[in-house]
Structure formats: C-alpha cells, structure tokens
C-alpha atoms as a PDB file:
ATOM      1  CA  MET A   1      -5.775  31.753  18.665  1.00  0.00           C
ATOM      2  CA  HIS A   2      -4.048  28.647  17.243  1.00  0.00           C
ATOM      3  CA  HIS A   3      -4.859  27.860  13.635  1.00  0.00           C
ATOM      4  CA  ASN A   4      -4.705  24.161  12.654  1.00  0.00           C
ATOM      5  CA  PRO A   5      -3.882  23.824   8.896  1.00  0.00           C
ATOM      6  CA  GLU A   6      -5.336  20.303   8.743  1.00  0.00           C
ATOM      7  CA  PRO A   7      -8.836  19.873   7.313  1.00  0.00           C
ATOM      8  CA  PRO A   8     -11.593  19.165   9.840  1.00  0.00           C
ATOM      9  CA  TYR A   9     -12.325  15.553  10.708  1.00  0.00           C
ATOM     10  CA  PRO A  10     -15.562  14.061  11.932  1.00  0.00           C
ATOM     11  CA  GLY A  11     -15.913  15.349  15.394  1.00  0.00           C
ATOM     12  CA  GLY A  12     -14.162  18.608  14.404  1.00  0.00           C
ATOM     13  CA  GLU A  13     -10.641  17.703  15.507  1.00  0.00           C
ATOM     14  CA  PRO A  14      -7.747  16.128  13.553  1.00  0.00           C
ATOM     15  CA  ALA A  15      -6.559  12.778  14.633  1.00  0.00           C
ATOM     16  CA  SER A  16      -3.988  13.024  17.385  1.00  0.00           C
ATOM     17  CA  ALA A  17      -0.625  11.254  17.164  1.00  0.00           C
ATOM     18  CA  GLU A  18      -1.986   8.861  19.802  1.00  0.00           C
ATOM     19  CA  ASP A  19      -5.009   8.041  17.638  1.00  0.00           C
ATOM     20  CA  ARG A  20      -2.864   7.519  14.545  1.00  0.00           C
ATOM     21  CA  ASP A  21      -0.503   5.226  16.468  1.00  0.00           C
ATOM     22  CA  GLY A  22      -3.503   3.267  17.706  1.00  0.00           C
ATOM     23  CA  ALA A  23      -4.698   2.848  14.106  1.00  0.00           C
ATOM     24  CA  ALA A  24      -1.265   1.609  13.045  1.00  0.00           C
ATOM     25  CA  ASP A  25      -1.161  -0.790  16.005  1.00  0.00           C
ATOM     26  CA  SER A  26      -4.580  -2.073  15.006  1.00  0.00           C
ATOM     27  CA  GLU A  27      -3.460  -2.674  11.408  1.00  0.00           C
ATOM     28  CA  VAL A  28      -0.398  -4.564  12.601  1.00  0.00           C
ATOM     29  CA  THR A  29      -2.585  -6.624  14.945  1.00  0.00           C
ATOM     30  CA  LEU A  30      -4.924  -7.440  12.024  1.00  0.00           C
ATOM     31  CA  LEU A  31      -2.040  -8.374   9.750  1.00  0.00           C
ATOM     32  CA  HIS A  32      -0.598 -10.610  12.500  1.00  0.00           C
ATOM     33  CA  ALA A  33      -3.920 -12.360  12.877  1.00  0.00           C
ATOM     34  CA  LEU A  34      -4.272 -12.796   9.067  1.00  0.00           C
ATOM     35  CA  VAL A  35      -0.752 -14.214   8.676  1.00  0.00           C
ATOM     36  CA  ALA A  36      -1.242 -16.548  11.643  1.00  0.00           C
ATOM     37  CA  GLU A  37      -4.509 -17.884  10.258  1.00  0.00           C
ATOM     38  CA  ARG A  38      -3.082 -18.291   6.783  1.00  0.00           C
ATOM     39  CA  LEU A  39      -0.031 -20.121   8.291  1.00  0.00           C
ATOM     40  CA  LYS A  40      -2.341 -22.438  10.135  1.00  0.00           C
ATOM     41  CA  GLN A  41      -4.267 -23.186   6.933  1.00  0.00           C
ATOM     42  CA  ALA A  42      -1.008 -23.694   4.973  1.00  0.00           C
ATOM     43  CA  HIS A  43       0.270 -26.173   7.633  1.00  0.00           C
ATOM     44  CA  ALA A  44      -3.006 -28.065   7.391  1.00  0.00           C
ATOM     45  CA  ARG A  45      -2.749 -28.218   3.595  1.00  0.00           C
ATOM     46  CA  VAL A  46       0.847 -29.478   3.726  1.00  0.00           C
ATOM     47  CA  HIS A  47      -0.180 -32.111   6.333  1.00  0.00           C
ATOM     48  CA  ALA A  48      -2.989 -33.338   4.035  1.00  0.00           C
ATOM     49  CA  LEU A  49      -0.835 -33.565   0.901  1.00  0.00           C
ATOM     50  CA  ASN A  50      -0.214 -36.988  -0.598  1.00  0.00           C
ATOM     51  CA  VAL A  51       3.495 -36.540  -1.040  1.00  0.00           C
ATOM     52  CA  SER A  52       6.670 -38.036   0.320  1.00  0.00           C
ATOM     53  CA  THR A  53       7.831 -37.344   3.868  1.00  0.00           C
ATOM     54  CA  ASP A  54      10.804 -35.490   2.426  1.00  0.00           C
ATOM     55  CA  ALA A  55       8.493 -33.161   0.456  1.00  0.00           C
ATOM     56  CA  LYS A  56       6.352 -32.522   3.509  1.00  0.00           C
ATOM     57  CA  THR A  57       9.484 -31.810   5.557  1.00  0.00           C
ATOM     58  CA  ALA A  58      10.768 -29.337   2.992  1.00  0.00           C
ATOM     59  CA  LEU A  59       7.360 -27.577   2.829  1.00  0.00           C
ATOM     60  CA  THR A  60       7.149 -27.414   6.600  1.00  0.00           C
ATOM     61  CA  ARG A  61      10.608 -25.891   6.760  1.00  0.00           C
ATOM     62  CA  GLN A  62       9.488 -23.227   4.324  1.00  0.00           C
ATOM     63  CA  LEU A  63       6.536 -22.419   6.561  1.00  0.00           C
ATOM     64  CA  LEU A  64       8.816 -22.206   9.590  1.00  0.00           C
ATOM     65  CA  ILE A  65      10.949 -19.678   7.726  1.00  0.00           C
ATOM     66  CA  VAL A  66       7.818 -17.630   7.089  1.00  0.00           C
ATOM     67  CA  THR A  67       7.010 -17.892  10.809  1.00  0.00           C
ATOM     68  CA  GLU A  68      10.474 -16.681  11.776  1.00  0.00           C
ATOM     69  CA  THR A  69      10.284 -13.865   9.191  1.00  0.00           C
ATOM     70  CA  ALA A  70       6.972 -12.697  10.676  1.00  0.00           C
ATOM     71  CA  LYS A  71       8.769 -12.009  13.976  1.00  0.00           C
ATOM     72  CA  ARG A  72      10.899  -9.325  12.383  1.00  0.00           C
ATOM     73  CA  ASP A  73       9.266  -8.282   9.062  1.00  0.00           C
ATOM     74  CA  LEU A  74       5.514  -9.004   8.973  1.00  0.00           C
ATOM     75  CA  PRO A  75       4.838  -7.577   5.483  1.00  0.00           C
ATOM     76  CA  GLU A  76       7.651  -9.705   4.058  1.00  0.00           C
ATOM     77  CA  ALA A  77       6.264 -12.775   5.790  1.00  0.00           C
ATOM     78  CA  ALA A  78       2.861 -12.084   4.285  1.00  0.00           C
ATOM     79  CA  ARG A  79       4.443 -11.862   0.823  1.00  0.00           C
ATOM     80  CA  ARG A  80       6.408 -15.077   1.267  1.00  0.00           C
ATOM     81  CA  LEU A  81       3.334 -16.897   2.538  1.00  0.00           C
ATOM     82  CA  SER A  82       1.338 -15.656  -0.500  1.00  0.00           C
ATOM     83  CA  ARG A  83       4.001 -17.037  -2.820  1.00  0.00           C
ATOM     84  CA  PHE A  84       4.052 -20.307  -0.884  1.00  0.00           C
ATOM     85  CA  VAL A  85       0.299 -20.778  -1.158  1.00  0.00           C
ATOM     86  CA  GLN A  86       0.382 -19.828  -4.836  1.00  0.00           C
ATOM     87  CA  ASP A  87       3.071 -22.516  -5.416  1.00  0.00           C
ATOM     88  CA  LEU A  88       0.902 -25.028  -3.610  1.00  0.00           C
ATOM     89  CA  ASP A  89      -2.164 -24.024  -5.650  1.00  0.00           C
ATOM     90  CA  GLU A  90      -0.171 -24.536  -8.829  1.00  0.00           C
ATOM     91  CA  GLY A  91       1.294 -27.826  -7.742  1.00  0.00           C
ATOM     92  CA  ARG A  92       4.887 -26.650  -7.471  1.00  0.00           C
ATOM     93  CA  MET A  93       6.812 -28.585  -4.894  1.00  0.00           C
ATOM     94  CA  PRO A  94      10.201 -27.596  -3.365  1.00  0.00           C
ATOM     95  CA  PRO A  95      13.365 -29.000  -4.903  1.00  0.00           C
ATOM     96  CA  ARG A  96      14.676 -32.137  -3.147  1.00  0.00           C
END
C-alpha cells in the first residue's frame, strides 16, 4: 500500500501536478487580464489629460514599454504599471 505524506484535501486526494499547473495558468491568465484592463484605463487617462502633445507622447511611450515588458515578465509589468498610475495620481509627469 502506498502512503501519501501529504495531508488530505477536500475530496480525499492531494492536488495532482496537472491541477496545480492549471491553477498557476489560471493565475497568470487573471494577471494578464488585470494588466490589460489597467493598461487600457491608463491609456484612456493619458488621452484625457490636458497636457502638451510631447507630454502625452512621453506617457504613451512609457505605457508601450509596460506592454512590451508584459510579454516577457508579467509581474514586473504589473509593478511598472502601478508606479505609472501612482505617478499620474500624484501629478508627476515624465521629464521632457
């Protein structure tokens, strides 16, 4: 008889590697959706700002960098986007 050292889970069986991978994939999918929605909102905010074209261009470039970062490092993109939004909230504009 095979003894499983893991504690019992609801349903009596520990999560399989396949189940754990599915949960990880689900978390990544949710993070992707969150970052995508927040990027969309940030672009709308930048578009609505009453600032010079140069300032809008610089802000849009920062958002494009976040978008590119998301393709290879989603958590880092989420952090950069949070900093970007915080800077917008506090009225900090990019250097010219």
